[in-house]
N, C-alpha and C. Protein backbone atom coordinates (compact mmCIF):
# COMPACT_ATOMS: atom_id res chain seq x y z
N MET A 1 -24.85 65.51 3.42
CA MET A 1 -24.23 65.81 4.69
C MET A 1 -23.04 64.88 4.89
N SER A 2 -21.91 65.44 5.22
CA SER A 2 -20.70 64.64 5.40
C SER A 2 -20.58 64.18 6.85
N THR A 3 -19.85 63.09 7.03
CA THR A 3 -19.61 62.54 8.36
C THR A 3 -18.48 63.32 9.03
N PRO A 4 -18.68 63.72 10.29
CA PRO A 4 -17.62 64.46 10.97
C PRO A 4 -16.43 63.55 11.23
N PRO A 5 -15.24 64.11 11.32
CA PRO A 5 -14.06 63.29 11.60
C PRO A 5 -14.16 62.69 13.00
N PRO A 6 -13.51 61.54 13.23
CA PRO A 6 -13.56 60.95 14.57
C PRO A 6 -12.84 61.84 15.58
N VAL A 7 -13.32 61.80 16.80
CA VAL A 7 -12.70 62.58 17.86
C VAL A 7 -11.51 61.79 18.39
N ALA A 8 -10.36 62.42 18.41
CA ALA A 8 -9.15 61.77 18.90
C ALA A 8 -9.23 61.59 20.42
N ALA A 9 -8.80 60.45 20.90
CA ALA A 9 -8.77 60.21 22.34
C ALA A 9 -7.72 61.12 22.98
N ARG A 10 -8.00 61.59 24.15
CA ARG A 10 -7.05 62.41 24.90
C ARG A 10 -5.95 61.50 25.45
N VAL A 11 -4.73 61.94 25.37
CA VAL A 11 -3.61 61.14 25.85
C VAL A 11 -3.05 61.78 27.12
N ASP A 12 -3.09 61.00 28.19
CA ASP A 12 -2.53 61.41 29.48
C ASP A 12 -1.99 60.14 30.13
N LEU A 13 -0.78 59.74 29.74
CA LEU A 13 -0.21 58.46 30.17
C LEU A 13 0.26 58.55 31.61
N ASP A 14 0.05 57.45 32.35
CA ASP A 14 0.30 57.47 33.78
C ASP A 14 0.69 56.08 34.28
N LYS A 15 1.40 56.04 35.36
CA LYS A 15 1.67 54.84 36.15
C LYS A 15 2.25 53.66 35.38
N ASN A 16 3.36 53.84 34.72
CA ASN A 16 3.93 52.68 34.03
C ASN A 16 4.70 51.79 35.01
N TRP A 17 4.65 50.48 34.74
CA TRP A 17 5.40 49.47 35.47
C TRP A 17 6.15 48.67 34.42
N THR A 18 7.41 48.37 34.67
CA THR A 18 8.24 47.71 33.68
C THR A 18 8.91 46.48 34.29
N VAL A 19 9.02 45.43 33.49
CA VAL A 19 9.70 44.21 33.91
C VAL A 19 10.50 43.68 32.72
N CYS A 20 11.65 43.09 32.99
CA CYS A 20 12.48 42.52 31.92
C CYS A 20 12.75 41.05 32.21
N ASP A 21 12.85 40.26 31.15
CA ASP A 21 13.19 38.85 31.26
C ASP A 21 14.71 38.75 31.33
N ASN A 22 15.23 38.39 32.50
CA ASN A 22 16.68 38.32 32.67
C ASN A 22 17.16 36.88 32.92
N THR A 23 16.34 35.91 32.50
CA THR A 23 16.72 34.50 32.62
C THR A 23 17.45 34.09 31.35
N ALA A 24 18.74 33.82 31.45
CA ALA A 24 19.58 33.58 30.27
C ALA A 24 19.07 32.44 29.39
N SER A 25 18.40 31.44 29.96
CA SER A 25 17.90 30.32 29.17
C SER A 25 16.54 30.58 28.51
N SER A 26 15.94 31.72 28.78
CA SER A 26 14.63 32.04 28.24
C SER A 26 14.73 32.44 26.77
N PRO A 27 13.76 32.01 25.94
CA PRO A 27 13.77 32.45 24.54
C PRO A 27 13.51 33.95 24.39
N PHE A 28 13.03 34.58 25.46
CA PHE A 28 12.75 36.02 25.42
C PHE A 28 13.72 36.81 26.31
N TYR A 29 14.89 36.23 26.57
CA TYR A 29 15.91 36.91 27.36
C TYR A 29 16.21 38.29 26.76
N GLY A 30 16.21 39.31 27.61
CA GLY A 30 16.48 40.67 27.15
C GLY A 30 15.25 41.45 26.72
N HIS A 31 14.10 40.77 26.64
CA HIS A 31 12.87 41.48 26.30
C HIS A 31 12.33 42.15 27.57
N CYS A 32 11.81 43.35 27.39
CA CYS A 32 11.21 44.08 28.50
C CYS A 32 9.78 44.44 28.12
N TYR A 33 8.95 44.56 29.14
CA TYR A 33 7.52 44.83 28.93
C TYR A 33 7.12 45.94 29.89
N THR A 34 6.38 46.90 29.39
CA THR A 34 5.89 47.95 30.27
C THR A 34 4.40 48.12 30.08
N GLU A 35 3.71 48.29 31.18
CA GLU A 35 2.26 48.54 31.18
C GLU A 35 2.07 49.96 31.64
N LEU A 36 1.17 50.66 30.99
CA LEU A 36 0.83 52.02 31.40
C LEU A 36 -0.65 52.22 31.16
N ASP A 37 -1.21 53.20 31.83
CA ASP A 37 -2.62 53.47 31.59
C ASP A 37 -2.78 54.89 31.03
N ASN A 38 -3.78 55.02 30.18
CA ASN A 38 -4.08 56.32 29.59
C ASN A 38 -5.23 56.94 30.38
N PHE A 39 -4.86 57.73 31.37
CA PHE A 39 -5.83 58.39 32.24
C PHE A 39 -6.79 59.25 31.43
N GLY A 40 -6.31 59.83 30.35
CA GLY A 40 -7.13 60.71 29.52
C GLY A 40 -8.13 59.98 28.63
N ASP A 41 -8.06 58.65 28.59
CA ASP A 41 -8.97 57.86 27.76
C ASP A 41 -9.59 56.74 28.60
N GLY A 42 -10.11 57.10 29.76
CA GLY A 42 -10.84 56.16 30.59
C GLY A 42 -9.97 55.09 31.23
N ASP A 43 -8.71 55.39 31.48
CA ASP A 43 -7.77 54.45 32.11
C ASP A 43 -7.55 53.18 31.29
N LYS A 44 -7.55 53.31 29.96
CA LYS A 44 -7.23 52.15 29.11
C LYS A 44 -5.82 51.70 29.43
N GLU A 45 -5.64 50.39 29.62
CA GLU A 45 -4.31 49.84 29.86
C GLU A 45 -3.63 49.57 28.52
N LEU A 46 -2.37 49.95 28.43
CA LEU A 46 -1.58 49.78 27.22
C LEU A 46 -0.32 49.00 27.56
N MET A 47 0.19 48.27 26.58
CA MET A 47 1.43 47.51 26.75
C MET A 47 2.41 47.91 25.66
N SER A 48 3.69 47.92 26.01
CA SER A 48 4.75 48.17 25.05
C SER A 48 5.87 47.18 25.33
N THR A 49 6.55 46.75 24.26
CA THR A 49 7.61 45.75 24.39
C THR A 49 8.92 46.29 23.81
N SER A 50 10.00 45.91 24.47
CA SER A 50 11.35 46.19 23.98
C SER A 50 12.05 44.85 23.78
N THR A 51 12.74 44.70 22.68
CA THR A 51 13.48 43.46 22.43
C THR A 51 14.99 43.66 22.59
N ASP A 52 15.37 44.86 23.05
CA ASP A 52 16.80 45.14 23.20
C ASP A 52 17.14 45.67 24.60
N GLY A 53 16.49 45.09 25.59
CA GLY A 53 16.80 45.45 26.97
C GLY A 53 16.33 46.83 27.39
N GLY A 54 15.41 47.41 26.66
CA GLY A 54 14.86 48.72 27.02
C GLY A 54 15.47 49.90 26.29
N ALA A 55 16.39 49.64 25.36
CA ALA A 55 16.99 50.74 24.60
C ALA A 55 15.97 51.41 23.68
N THR A 56 15.09 50.61 23.08
CA THR A 56 14.03 51.13 22.22
C THR A 56 12.73 50.40 22.58
N TRP A 57 11.62 51.05 22.29
CA TRP A 57 10.30 50.51 22.66
C TRP A 57 9.35 50.55 21.47
N GLY A 58 8.47 49.55 21.41
CA GLY A 58 7.43 49.53 20.40
C GLY A 58 6.30 50.48 20.78
N THR A 59 5.44 50.77 19.83
CA THR A 59 4.27 51.62 20.08
C THR A 59 3.35 50.94 21.09
N PRO A 60 2.90 51.66 22.12
CA PRO A 60 1.97 51.05 23.08
C PRO A 60 0.67 50.63 22.38
N ILE A 61 0.18 49.43 22.75
CA ILE A 61 -1.08 48.94 22.19
C ILE A 61 -2.01 48.54 23.32
N GLU A 62 -3.30 48.53 23.02
CA GLU A 62 -4.30 48.10 24.00
C GLU A 62 -4.16 46.62 24.28
N THR A 63 -4.59 46.20 25.45
CA THR A 63 -4.61 44.79 25.77
C THR A 63 -5.68 44.10 24.94
N ALA A 64 -5.57 42.79 24.79
CA ALA A 64 -6.52 42.03 23.99
C ALA A 64 -7.95 42.18 24.51
N GLY A 65 -8.09 42.31 25.83
CA GLY A 65 -9.42 42.44 26.42
C GLY A 65 -9.87 43.88 26.58
N HIS A 66 -9.12 44.84 26.01
CA HIS A 66 -9.43 46.28 26.14
C HIS A 66 -9.59 46.65 27.63
N ASP A 67 -8.67 46.16 28.44
CA ASP A 67 -8.75 46.35 29.88
C ASP A 67 -8.57 47.81 30.28
N LYS A 68 -9.16 48.14 31.42
CA LYS A 68 -9.02 49.47 32.01
C LYS A 68 -8.59 49.30 33.45
N GLY A 69 -7.76 50.23 33.92
CA GLY A 69 -7.31 50.16 35.29
C GLY A 69 -6.17 51.14 35.52
N ILE A 70 -5.65 51.12 36.72
CA ILE A 70 -4.55 52.00 37.08
C ILE A 70 -3.44 51.16 37.70
N GLY A 71 -2.24 51.28 37.16
CA GLY A 71 -1.07 50.68 37.76
C GLY A 71 -0.97 49.17 37.64
N GLY A 72 -1.39 48.59 36.51
CA GLY A 72 -1.21 47.15 36.30
C GLY A 72 0.26 46.81 36.29
N GLN A 73 0.61 45.62 36.78
CA GLN A 73 2.01 45.23 36.87
C GLN A 73 2.27 43.99 36.01
N PRO A 74 3.08 44.13 34.95
CA PRO A 74 3.42 42.96 34.13
C PRO A 74 4.32 42.01 34.92
N LEU A 75 4.29 40.74 34.53
CA LEU A 75 5.07 39.73 35.22
C LEU A 75 5.66 38.77 34.20
N VAL A 76 6.96 38.53 34.27
CA VAL A 76 7.61 37.55 33.40
C VAL A 76 7.52 36.20 34.12
N GLN A 77 6.92 35.21 33.47
CA GLN A 77 6.75 33.88 34.04
C GLN A 77 8.03 33.05 33.83
N PRO A 78 8.30 32.09 34.71
CA PRO A 78 9.49 31.25 34.56
C PRO A 78 9.50 30.44 33.26
N ASN A 79 8.33 30.16 32.71
CA ASN A 79 8.25 29.38 31.47
C ASN A 79 8.17 30.27 30.23
N ALA A 80 8.53 31.54 30.38
CA ALA A 80 8.56 32.52 29.27
C ALA A 80 7.19 32.77 28.67
N ARG A 81 6.16 32.69 29.44
CA ARG A 81 4.80 32.98 28.96
C ARG A 81 4.19 34.09 29.75
């Protein structure tokens, strides 16, 4: 008996919030971060980063804690963390 293929998670992206580091002295100046949730997969929170001011974006990835929620808001700290 063979193992069935894994079931793909449903994708229904919602509620993105975006913030950019606009502090010229920051080592991450020009980087932008967006948080979005996948409503179709139990509201998993995903993050994506841009290193060119939002012109292009990386593939969204889950948070380290596999967080779930709706409308999380990223924040750029003054110390670039």
